[in-house]
Amino acid sequence: MEFSSQDFGSANYFKTRPTYPAGFLHLLSQYHKGKRSLLIDVGCGPGNSTLELAKYLGFEQVWGSDVSPGMIETAKTQKELSNGEFSADNVQFSVHAAEDLDWVAPNAADMVTAAQCCHWLDFGVFQNAVFRTLRKGGTLAIWGYVDPHFADYPELDRVLFNFQYGEDQLGPYWEKPGRVILRDLLRTQKLDNSRFDDVLQVEYDPRNPETQSTLQIPLKVDRQMTVAEFDHYIESWSAYNAWKRTNKAKTDIRQHFMRKLRTHTGLSSSQSTMNVTWKTIYKFARKKS
């Protein structure tokens, strides 16, 4: 997996990836029932989601795990930096695959979360591990985002799509089937209804908001980014890193796209801002009692 390679820029990933709105974390907090002793955040990467969960959900202990030692080292650094904003003394990080929860006692976790990582997992093995680890009535929460859009420049959708998925662009460099699963908003990763119930599943497409039920609260992932920040965000894509590693002698494909972006938008300054939004999915469920 590209993200677990030693030369992957985990610090850049932390800085450039979108964060999750407080309203969404409040929704998750309201969904959860019962005690809040232990939350396990698998596939935590450099700690983005783990630290936000610790800040907003009020668990006694929050533990982030990831298969990449580099990601975990960055997460530990970010934990220390966050202590000026809120106390993260109850947060721990360790190196484990998301499907490996044997290091947690059976029925010990009150919540297991998986943010922006389920598309990489053997989902059946992961569900087995979660079912073993969660207490009865405990919460499983998974979510993800994909395919950014420039909210104010819909005419750029095709340009950005071609850059991401064109056969002569980044298309061949996305890891399969993970990217296909994520672009399909995790629909093929079905929760086992013999083990989990009270399922809440909500998809959101910012280009087609009329498809959103008024009875559902979507996860809206939006971020105002400078041109430079979006450029660095592309640097965090697994496909771009794979392209760069195998095309070292070629002109940087990212720079070519950024020139197109500046031409189409007229944003010549690297500090000019754009509103970026993503398609999203979340699924909440409870372990059957």
C-alpha atoms as a PDB file:
ATOM      1  CA  MET A   1       0.000   0.000   0.000  1.00  0.00           C
ATOM      2  CA  GLU A   2       1.396   3.396  -1.033  1.00  0.00           C
ATOM      3  CA  PHE A   3       0.542   5.130   2.257  1.00  0.00           C
ATOM      4  CA  SER A   4       2.611   2.627   4.248  1.00  0.00           C
ATOM      5  CA  SER A   5       5.797   3.105   2.212  1.00  0.00           C
ATOM      6  CA  GLN A   6       8.717   4.616   4.104  1.00  0.00           C
ATOM      7  CA  ASP A   7       9.059   7.626   1.789  1.00  0.00           C
ATOM      8  CA  PHE A   8       5.391   8.631   1.890  1.00  0.00           C
ATOM      9  CA  GLY A   9       4.899  12.180   3.220  1.00  0.00           C
ATOM     10  CA  SER A  10       2.788  11.548   6.325  1.00  0.00           C
ATOM     11  CA  ALA A  11       3.282  15.082   7.685  1.00  0.00           C
ATOM     12  CA  ASN A  12       2.028  16.568   4.407  1.00  0.00           C
ATOM     13  CA  TYR A  13      -0.946  14.186   4.557  1.00  0.00           C
ATOM     14  CA  PHE A  14      -1.857  15.513   8.002  1.00  0.00           C
ATOM     15  CA  LYS A  15      -1.646  19.161   6.916  1.00  0.00           C
ATOM     16  CA  THR A  16      -3.430  18.959   3.567  1.00  0.00           C
ATOM     17  CA  ARG A  17      -6.263  16.488   4.115  1.00  0.00           C
ATOM     18  CA  PRO A  18      -9.716  17.871   5.000  1.00  0.00           C
ATOM     19  CA  THR A  19     -10.971  17.646   8.555  1.00  0.00           C
ATOM     20  CA  TYR A  20     -14.402  16.493   9.671  1.00  0.00           C
ATOM     21  CA  PRO A  21     -16.928  19.104  10.809  1.00  0.00           C
ATOM     22  CA  ALA A  22     -17.833  19.354  14.481  1.00  0.00           C
ATOM     23  CA  GLY A  23     -21.489  18.822  13.519  1.00  0.00           C
ATOM     24  CA  PHE A  24     -20.686  15.370  12.139  1.00  0.00           C
ATOM     25  CA  LEU A  25     -18.766  14.390  15.258  1.00  0.00           C
ATOM     26  CA  HIS A  26     -21.695  15.660  17.348  1.00  0.00           C
ATOM     27  CA  LEU A  27     -24.007  13.430  15.283  1.00  0.00           C
ATOM     28  CA  LEU A  28     -21.769  10.437  16.001  1.00  0.00           C
ATOM     29  CA  SER A  29     -21.714  11.375  19.682  1.00  0.00           C
ATOM     30  CA  GLN A  30     -25.516  11.481  19.771  1.00  0.00           C
ATOM     31  CA  TYR A  31     -25.762   8.115  18.018  1.00  0.00           C
ATOM     32  CA  HIS A  32     -23.534   6.383  20.569  1.00  0.00           C
ATOM     33  CA  LYS A  33     -25.258   4.810  23.582  1.00  0.00           C
ATOM     34  CA  GLY A  34     -23.779   3.823  26.908  1.00  0.00           C
ATOM     35  CA  LYS A  35     -20.379   4.205  28.486  1.00  0.00           C
ATOM     36  CA  ARG A  36     -17.382   5.921  26.919  1.00  0.00           C
ATOM     37  CA  SER A  37     -14.363   4.123  28.287  1.00  0.00           C
ATOM     38  CA  LEU A  38     -12.458   3.061  25.145  1.00  0.00           C
ATOM     39  CA  LEU A  39     -12.549   4.212  21.521  1.00  0.00           C
ATOM     40  CA  ILE A  40     -10.371   2.466  18.922  1.00  0.00           C
ATOM     41  CA  ASP A  41      -9.680   4.420  15.715  1.00  0.00           C
ATOM     42  CA  VAL A  42      -8.219   2.043  13.124  1.00  0.00           C
ATOM     43  CA  GLY A  43      -6.383   3.092   9.987  1.00  0.00           C
ATOM     44  CA  CYS A  44      -5.742   6.383  11.744  1.00  0.00           C
ATOM     45  CA  GLY A  45      -2.934   7.550   9.455  1.00  0.00           C
ATOM     46  CA  PRO A  46      -1.193  10.600  10.963  1.00  0.00           C
ATOM     47  CA  GLY A  47      -3.896  11.020  13.605  1.00  0.00           C
ATOM     48  CA  ASN A  48      -6.312  13.499  11.979  1.00  0.00           C
ATOM     49  CA  SER A  49      -9.484  11.662  12.936  1.00  0.00           C
ATOM     50  CA  THR A  50      -8.158  10.253  16.211  1.00  0.00           C
ATOM     51  CA  LEU A  51      -7.403  13.664  17.674  1.00  0.00           C
ATOM     52  CA  GLU A  52     -10.730  15.120  16.536  1.00  0.00           C
ATOM     53  CA  LEU A  53     -12.591  12.180  18.098  1.00  0.00           C
ATOM     54  CA  ALA A  54     -10.685  12.666  21.342  1.00  0.00           C
ATOM     55  CA  LYS A  55     -11.516  16.366  21.345  1.00  0.00           C
ATOM     56  CA  TYR A  56     -15.257  16.069  20.715  1.00  0.00           C
ATOM     57  CA  LEU A  57     -16.532  12.684  21.943  1.00  0.00           C
ATOM     58  CA  GLY A  58     -15.458  12.623  25.586  1.00  0.00           C
ATOM     59  CA  PHE A  59     -14.015   9.092  25.823  1.00  0.00           C
ATOM     60  CA  GLU A  60     -11.765   8.196  28.743  1.00  0.00           C
ATOM     61  CA  GLN A  61      -9.233   6.559  26.421  1.00  0.00           C
ATOM     62  CA  VAL A  62      -8.762   6.940  22.661  1.00  0.00           C
ATOM     63  CA  TRP A  63      -6.392   4.649  20.799  1.00  0.00           C
ATOM     64  CA  GLY A  64      -5.333   5.166  17.176  1.00  0.00           C
ATOM     65  CA  SER A  65      -3.739   2.376  15.171  1.00  0.00           C
ATOM     66  CA  ASP A  66      -2.247   2.224  11.690  1.00  0.00           C
ATOM     67  CA  VAL A  67      -0.187  -0.268   9.706  1.00  0.00           C
ATOM     68  CA  SER A  68       2.409   2.400   8.816  1.00  0.00           C
ATOM     69  CA  PRO A  69       5.139   3.187  11.386  1.00  0.00           C
ATOM     70  CA  GLY A  70       5.755   6.519   9.629  1.00  0.00           C
ATOM     71  CA  MET A  71       2.121   7.533   9.981  1.00  0.00           C
ATOM     72  CA  ILE A  72       2.158   6.615  13.667  1.00  0.00           C
ATOM     73  CA  GLU A  73       5.306   8.650  14.311  1.00  0.00           C
ATOM     74  CA  THR A  74       3.613  11.673  12.733  1.00  0.00           C
ATOM     75  CA  ALA A  75       0.483  11.025  14.796  1.00  0.00           C
ATOM     76  CA  LYS A  76       2.519  11.031  18.017  1.00  0.00           C
ATOM     77  CA  THR A  77       4.096  14.338  17.009  1.00  0.00           C
ATOM     78  CA  GLN A  78       0.693  15.854  16.227  1.00  0.00           C
ATOM     79  CA  LYS A  79      -0.595  14.678  19.597  1.00  0.00           C
ATOM     80  CA  GLU A  80       2.127  16.642  21.366  1.00  0.00           C
ATOM     81  CA  LEU A  81       1.397  19.720  19.255  1.00  0.00           C
ATOM     82  CA  SER A  82      -2.337  19.507  19.960  1.00  0.00           C
ATOM     83  CA  ASN A  83      -1.868  19.696  23.720  1.00  0.00           C
ATOM     84  CA  GLY A  84      -1.858  23.485  23.432  1.00  0.00           C
ATOM     85  CA  GLU A  85      -5.401  23.340  22.006  1.00  0.00           C
ATOM     86  CA  PHE A  86      -6.874  20.578  24.189  1.00  0.00           C
ATOM     87  CA  SER A  87      -5.558  17.868  26.466  1.00  0.00           C
ATOM     88  CA  ALA A  88      -4.675  14.761  24.462  1.00  0.00           C
ATOM     89  CA  ASP A  89      -3.172  12.902  27.402  1.00  0.00           C
ATOM     90  CA  ASN A  90      -5.798  10.169  26.980  1.00  0.00           C
ATOM     91  CA  VAL A  91      -4.719   9.467  23.365  1.00  0.00           C
ATOM     92  CA  GLN A  92      -2.335   6.653  22.442  1.00  0.00           C
ATOM     93  CA  PHE A  93      -1.037   5.424  19.083  1.00  0.00           C
ATOM     94  CA  SER A  94       0.384   2.064  17.990  1.00  0.00           C
ATOM     95  CA  VAL A  95       1.264   0.144  14.830  1.00  0.00           C
ATOM     96  CA  HIS A  96      -1.359  -2.457  13.883  1.00  0.00           C
ATOM     97  CA  ALA A  97      -3.281  -3.429  10.779  1.00  0.00           C
ATOM     98  CA  ALA A  98      -6.921  -2.332  10.932  1.00  0.00           C
ATOM     99  CA  GLU A  99      -8.077  -5.951  10.695  1.00  0.00           C
ATOM    100  CA  ASP A 100      -5.883  -6.863  13.684  1.00  0.00           C
ATOM    101  CA  LEU A 101      -7.686  -6.077  16.934  1.00  0.00           C
ATOM    102  CA  ASP A 102      -6.317  -9.036  18.883  1.00  0.00           C
ATOM    103  CA  TRP A 103      -4.345  -6.583  21.027  1.00  0.00           C
ATOM    104  CA  VAL A 104      -7.683  -5.396  22.480  1.00  0.00           C
ATOM    105  CA  ALA A 105      -9.532  -7.583  24.983  1.00  0.00           C
ATOM    106  CA  PRO A 106     -12.826  -9.108  23.782  1.00  0.00           C
ATOM    107  CA  ASN A 107     -15.881  -6.891  24.382  1.00  0.00           C
ATOM    108  CA  ALA A 108     -13.612  -4.111  25.676  1.00  0.00           C
ATOM    109  CA  ALA A 109     -14.209  -1.292  23.181  1.00  0.00           C
ATOM    110  CA  ASP A 110     -17.213   1.009  23.340  1.00  0.00           C
ATOM    111  CA  MET A 111     -16.632   2.379  19.836  1.00  0.00           C
ATOM    112  CA  VAL A 112     -14.537   1.411  16.813  1.00  0.00           C
ATOM    113  CA  THR A 113     -14.054   3.986  14.065  1.00  0.00           C
ATOM    114  CA  ALA A 114     -12.512   3.740  10.604  1.00  0.00           C
ATOM    115  CA  ALA A 115     -12.155   7.053   8.776  1.00  0.00           C
ATOM    116  CA  GLN A 116     -11.054   7.125   5.124  1.00  0.00           C
ATOM    117  CA  CYS A 117      -9.530   3.635   5.262  1.00  0.00           C
ATOM    118  CA  CYS A 118     -12.231   0.969   4.805  1.00  0.00           C
ATOM    119  CA  HIS A 119     -11.647   0.733   1.062  1.00  0.00           C
ATOM    120  CA  TRP A 120      -8.191  -0.700   1.796  1.00  0.00           C
ATOM    121  CA  LEU A 121      -9.444  -3.410   4.148  1.00  0.00           C
ATOM    122  CA  ASP A 122     -10.496  -7.023   3.923  1.00  0.00           C
ATOM    123  CA  PHE A 123     -13.922  -5.968   5.137  1.00  0.00           C
ATOM    124  CA  GLY A 124     -15.097  -9.406   6.224  1.00  0.00           C
ATOM    125  CA  VAL A 125     -12.019  -9.916   8.409  1.00  0.00           C
ATOM    126  CA  PHE A 126     -12.421  -6.387   9.748  1.00  0.00           C
ATOM    127  CA  GLN A 127     -16.067  -6.980  10.722  1.00  0.00           C
ATOM    128  CA  ASN A 128     -15.099 -10.179  12.536  1.00  0.00           C
ATOM    129  CA  ALA A 129     -12.440  -8.292  14.488  1.00  0.00           C
ATOM    130  CA  VAL A 130     -14.822  -5.456  15.361  1.00  0.00           C
ATOM    131  CA  PHE A 131     -17.551  -7.861  16.483  1.00  0.00           C
ATOM    132  CA  ARG A 132     -15.084  -9.585  18.809  1.00  0.00           C
ATOM    133  CA  THR A 133     -13.755  -6.297  20.206  1.00  0.00           C
ATOM    134  CA  LEU A 134     -16.932  -4.234  20.713  1.00  0.00           C
ATOM    135  CA  ARG A 135     -19.105  -4.606  23.773  1.00  0.00           C
ATOM    136  CA  LYS A 136     -22.778  -5.330  23.200  1.00  0.00           C
ATOM    137  CA  GLY A 137     -24.458  -2.171  21.971  1.00  0.00           C
ATOM    138  CA  GLY A 138     -21.087  -0.631  21.113  1.00  0.00           C
ATOM    139  CA  THR A 139     -20.759   1.575  18.048  1.00  0.00           C
ATOM    140  CA  LEU A 140     -19.039   0.883  14.738  1.00  0.00           C
ATOM    141  CA  ALA A 141     -18.593   4.058  12.675  1.00  0.00           C
ATOM    142  CA  ILE A 142     -16.983   4.162   9.249  1.00  0.00           C
ATOM    143  CA  TRP A 143     -16.790   7.054   6.818  1.00  0.00           C
ATOM    144  CA  GLY A 144     -14.906   8.362   3.832  1.00  0.00           C
ATOM    145  CA  TYR A 145     -14.688  11.007   1.140  1.00  0.00           C
ATOM    146  CA  VAL A 146     -13.666  10.944  -2.524  1.00  0.00           C
ATOM    147  CA  ASP A 147     -13.439  12.979  -5.736  1.00  0.00           C
ATOM    148  CA  PRO A 148     -12.956  16.648  -4.827  1.00  0.00           C
ATOM    149  CA  HIS A 149     -14.886  19.359  -6.649  1.00  0.00           C
ATOM    150  CA  PHE A 150     -14.174  23.069  -6.924  1.00  0.00           C
ATOM    151  CA  ALA A 151     -17.468  24.430  -5.650  1.00  0.00           C
ATOM    152  CA  ASP A 152     -17.209  27.728  -7.519  1.00  0.00           C
ATOM    153  CA  TYR A 153     -15.784  26.295 -10.745  1.00  0.00           C
ATOM    154  CA  PRO A 154     -18.051  23.439 -11.928  1.00  0.00           C
ATOM    155  CA  GLU A 155     -16.518  23.744 -15.391  1.00  0.00           C
ATOM    156  CA  LEU A 156     -13.309  22.299 -13.894  1.00  0.00           C
ATOM    157  CA  ASP A 157     -14.989  19.007 -12.939  1.00  0.00           C
ATOM    158  CA  ARG A 158     -14.080  17.349 -16.244  1.00  0.00           C
ATOM    159  CA  VAL A 159     -10.501  18.660 -16.145  1.00  0.00           C
ATOM    160  CA  LEU A 160     -10.013  17.345 -12.608  1.00  0.00           C
ATOM    161  CA  PHE A 161     -11.706  14.028 -13.421  1.00  0.00           C
ATOM    162  CA  ASN A 162      -9.422  13.504 -16.414  1.00  0.00           C
ATOM    163  CA  PHE A 163      -6.371  14.273 -14.276  1.00  0.00           C
ATOM    164  CA  GLN A 164      -7.423  11.765 -11.622  1.00  0.00           C
ATOM    165  CA  TYR A 165      -8.670   8.957 -13.841  1.00  0.00           C
ATOM    166  CA  GLY A 166      -7.427   9.445 -17.417  1.00  0.00           C
ATOM    167  CA  GLU A 167      -5.447   6.493 -18.753  1.00  0.00           C
ATOM    168  CA  ASP A 168      -2.580   8.816 -19.688  1.00  0.00           C
ATOM    169  CA  GLN A 169      -2.834  10.643 -16.359  1.00  0.00           C
ATOM    170  CA  LEU A 170      -3.158   9.202 -12.821  1.00  0.00           C
ATOM    171  CA  GLY A 171      -5.837   6.629 -13.667  1.00  0.00           C
ATOM    172  CA  PRO A 172      -3.591   3.539 -13.852  1.00  0.00           C
ATOM    173  CA  TYR A 173      -1.801   4.455 -10.627  1.00  0.00           C
ATOM    174  CA  TRP A 174      -4.693   4.168  -8.175  1.00  0.00           C
ATOM    175  CA  GLU A 175      -4.524   0.975  -6.151  1.00  0.00           C
ATOM    176  CA  LYS A 176      -7.301  -1.461  -7.044  1.00  0.00           C
ATOM    177  CA  PRO A 177      -9.814  -2.484  -5.902  1.00  0.00           C
ATOM    178  CA  GLY A 178      -9.530   0.100  -3.108  1.00  0.00           C
ATOM    179  CA  ARG A 179     -10.150   3.173  -5.233  1.00  0.00           C
ATOM    180  CA  VAL A 180     -13.095   1.529  -7.012  1.00  0.00           C
ATOM    181  CA  ILE A 181     -14.661   0.636  -3.651  1.00  0.00           C
ATOM    182  CA  LEU A 182     -14.267   4.192  -2.368  1.00  0.00           C
ATOM    183  CA  ARG A 183     -15.615   5.798  -5.547  1.00  0.00           C
ATOM    184  CA  ASP A 184     -18.654   3.528  -5.167  1.00  0.00           C
ATOM    185  CA  LEU A 185     -19.057   5.001  -1.648  1.00  0.00           C
ATOM    186  CA  LEU A 186     -18.392   1.680   0.107  1.00  0.00           C
ATOM    187  CA  ARG A 187     -21.671   0.185  -1.172  1.00  0.00           C
ATOM    188  CA  THR A 188     -20.052  -3.220  -1.672  1.00  0.00           C
ATOM    189  CA  GLN A 189     -18.872  -3.260   1.948  1.00  0.00           C
ATOM    190  CA  LYS A 190     -22.112  -4.351   3.525  1.00  0.00           C
ATOM    191  CA  LEU A 191     -22.544  -4.598   7.267  1.00  0.00           C
ATOM    192  CA  ASP A 192     -23.491  -8.057   8.547  1.00  0.00           C
ATOM    193  CA  ASN A 193     -27.075  -7.694   9.806  1.00  0.00           C
ATOM    194  CA  SER A 194     -26.716 -10.816  11.915  1.00  0.00           C
ATOM    195  CA  ARG A 195     -24.141  -8.975  13.999  1.00  0.00           C
ATOM    196  CA  PHE A 196     -24.969  -5.272  13.661  1.00  0.00           C
ATOM    197  CA  ASP A 197     -28.237  -3.361  13.744  1.00  0.00           C
ATOM    198  CA  ASP A 198     -29.607   0.203  13.988  1.00  0.00           C
ATOM    199  CA  VAL A 199     -27.648   0.953  10.821  1.00  0.00           C
ATOM    200  CA  LEU A 200     -27.495   4.582   9.707  1.00  0.00           C
ATOM    201  CA  GLN A 201     -26.037   4.964   6.221  1.00  0.00           C
ATOM    202  CA  VAL A 202     -25.895   8.323   4.434  1.00  0.00           C
ATOM    203  CA  GLU A 203     -24.284   9.276   1.113  1.00  0.00           C
ATOM    204  CA  TYR A 204     -23.715  12.829  -0.080  1.00  0.00           C
ATOM    205  CA  ASP A 205     -22.889  14.253  -3.503  1.00  0.00           C
ATOM    206  CA  PRO A 206     -22.276  18.024  -3.460  1.00  0.00           C
ATOM    207  CA  ARG A 207     -22.994  18.254  -7.185  1.00  0.00           C
ATOM    208  CA  ASN A 208     -26.407  16.591  -6.739  1.00  0.00           C
ATOM    209  CA  PRO A 209     -27.745  17.782  -3.360  1.00  0.00           C
ATOM    210  CA  GLU A 210     -31.343  17.202  -4.481  1.00  0.00           C
ATOM    211  CA  THR A 211     -30.714  13.456  -4.130  1.00  0.00           C
ATOM    212  CA  GLN A 212     -30.185  13.936  -0.388  1.00  0.00           C
ATOM    213  CA  SER A 213     -33.105  12.967   1.854  1.00  0.00           C
ATOM    214  CA  THR A 214     -34.260  15.798   4.087  1.00  0.00           C
ATOM    215  CA  LEU A 215     -34.554  13.221   6.878  1.00  0.00           C
ATOM    216  CA  GLN A 216     -30.828  12.465   6.782  1.00  0.00           C
ATOM    217  CA  ILE A 217     -27.920  14.576   7.966  1.00  0.00           C
ATOM    218  CA  PRO A 218     -25.035  14.263   5.497  1.00  0.00           C
ATOM    219  CA  LEU A 219     -21.335  14.429   6.171  1.00  0.00           C
ATOM    220  CA  LYS A 220     -20.315  17.626   4.399  1.00  0.00           C
ATOM    221  CA  VAL A 221     -16.569  17.772   3.925  1.00  0.00           C
ATOM    222  CA  ASP A 222     -15.667  21.252   2.685  1.00  0.00           C
ATOM    223  CA  ARG A 223     -12.465  23.197   2.886  1.00  0.00           C
ATOM    224  CA  GLN A 224     -11.308  26.597   1.702  1.00  0.00           C
ATOM    225  CA  MET A 225      -7.864  25.943   0.253  1.00  0.00           C
ATOM    226  CA  THR A 226      -5.281  28.155  -1.321  1.00  0.00           C
ATOM    227  CA  VAL A 227      -3.942  27.163  -4.718  1.00  0.00           C
ATOM    228  CA  ALA A 228      -0.724  26.121  -2.964  1.00  0.00           C
ATOM    229  CA  GLU A 229      -2.609  23.982  -0.441  1.00  0.00           C
ATOM    230  CA  PHE A 230      -4.487  22.149  -3.183  1.00  0.00           C
ATOM    231  CA  ASP A 231      -1.176  21.549  -4.923  1.00  0.00           C
ATOM    232  CA  HIS A 232       0.179  19.993  -1.709  1.00  0.00           C
ATOM    233  CA  TYR A 233      -3.059  18.014  -1.303  1.00  0.00           C
ATOM    234  CA  ILE A 234      -2.381  16.328  -4.659  1.00  0.00           C
ATOM    235  CA  GLU A 235       1.050  15.423  -3.270  1.00  0.00           C
ATOM    236  CA  SER A 236      -0.763  13.351  -0.616  1.00  0.00           C
ATOM    237  CA  TRP A 237      -2.586  11.192  -3.191  1.00  0.00           C
ATOM    238  CA  SER A 238      -1.397   7.606  -3.373  1.00  0.00           C
ATOM    239  CA  ALA A 239      -1.770   7.621  -7.183  1.00  0.00           C
ATOM    240  CA  TYR A 240       0.410  10.704  -7.562  1.00  0.00           C
ATOM    241  CA  ASN A 241       3.109   9.167  -5.370  1.00  0.00           C
ATOM    242  CA  ALA A 242       2.984   5.965  -7.428  1.00  0.00           C
ATOM    243  CA  TRP A 243       3.186   7.981 -10.679  1.00  0.00           C
ATOM    244  CA  LYS A 244       6.140  10.005  -9.387  1.00  0.00           C
ATOM    245  CA  ARG A 245       8.046   6.917  -8.338  1.00  0.00           C
ATOM    246  CA  THR A 246       7.714   5.284 -11.781  1.00  0.00           C
ATOM    247  CA  ASN A 247       8.114   8.420 -13.937  1.00  0.00           C
ATOM    248  CA  LYS A 248      11.139  10.113 -12.429  1.00  0.00           C
ATOM    249  CA  ALA A 249      12.475  11.368 -15.760  1.00  0.00           C
ATOM    250  CA  LYS A 250       9.209  12.981 -16.874  1.00  0.00           C
ATOM    251  CA  THR A 251       7.931  16.503 -16.302  1.00  0.00           C
ATOM    252  CA  ASP A 252       5.856  16.508 -13.131  1.00  0.00           C
ATOM    253  CA  ILE A 253       2.254  15.674 -14.055  1.00  0.00           C
ATOM    254  CA  ARG A 254       1.036  17.627 -11.021  1.00  0.00           C
ATOM    255  CA  GLN A 255       2.625  20.838 -12.250  1.00  0.00           C
ATOM    256  CA  HIS A 256       0.933  20.398 -15.631  1.00  0.00           C
ATOM    257  CA  PHE A 257      -2.470  20.081 -13.964  1.00  0.00           C
ATOM    258  CA  MET A 258      -1.851  23.088 -11.719  1.00  0.00           C
ATOM    259  CA  ARG A 259      -1.088  25.221 -14.772  1.00  0.00           C
ATOM    260  CA  LYS A 260      -4.447  24.165 -16.212  1.00  0.00           C
ATOM    261  CA  LEU A 261      -6.154  25.019 -12.926  1.00  0.00           C
ATOM    262  CA  ARG A 262      -4.670  28.518 -12.878  1.00  0.00           C
ATOM    263  CA  THR A 263      -5.617  29.096 -16.518  1.00  0.00           C
ATOM    264  CA  HIS A 264      -9.251  28.003 -16.035  1.00  0.00           C
ATOM    265  CA  THR A 265      -9.789  29.888 -12.782  1.00  0.00           C
ATOM    266  CA  GLY A 266      -7.648  32.954 -13.369  1.00  0.00           C
ATOM    267  CA  LEU A 267      -6.136  32.405  -9.918  1.00  0.00           C
ATOM    268  CA  SER A 268      -2.537  33.326 -10.595  1.00  0.00           C
ATOM    269  CA  SER A 269      -1.412  33.701  -6.981  1.00  0.00           C
ATOM    270  CA  SER A 270      -0.506  30.612  -4.966  1.00  0.00           C
ATOM    271  CA  GLN A 271      -2.354  32.239  -2.040  1.00  0.00           C
ATOM    272  CA  SER A 272      -5.638  32.699  -3.937  1.00  0.00           C
ATOM    273  CA  THR A 273      -8.398  30.621  -2.346  1.00  0.00           C
ATOM    274  CA  MET A 274     -10.868  28.064  -3.661  1.00  0.00           C
ATOM    275  CA  ASN A 275     -13.759  26.236  -1.992  1.00  0.00           C
ATOM    276  CA  VAL A 276     -13.259  22.491  -2.293  1.00  0.00           C
ATOM    277  CA  THR A 277     -15.903  19.884  -1.464  1.00  0.00           C
ATOM    278  CA  TRP A 278     -16.043  16.083  -1.638  1.00  0.00           C
ATOM    279  CA  LYS A 279     -18.507  13.233  -2.081  1.00  0.00           C
ATOM    280  CA  THR A 280     -18.932  11.412   1.235  1.00  0.00           C
ATOM    281  CA  ILE A 281     -20.339   8.306   2.894  1.00  0.00           C
ATOM    282  CA  TYR A 282     -20.815   7.291   6.505  1.00  0.00           C
ATOM    283  CA  LYS A 283     -22.209   4.194   8.172  1.00  0.00           C
ATOM    284  CA  PHE A 284     -23.019   3.891  11.868  1.00  0.00           C
ATOM    285  CA  ALA A 285     -24.120   0.612  13.462  1.00  0.00           C
ATOM    286  CA  ARG A 286     -24.422  -1.064  16.866  1.00  0.00           C
ATOM    287  CA  LYS A 287     -23.263  -4.515  17.869  1.00  0.00           C
ATOM    288  CA  LYS A 288     -26.334  -6.608  18.500  1.00  0.00           C
ATOM    289  CA  SER A 289     -27.126  -7.286  22.121  1.00  0.00           C
END
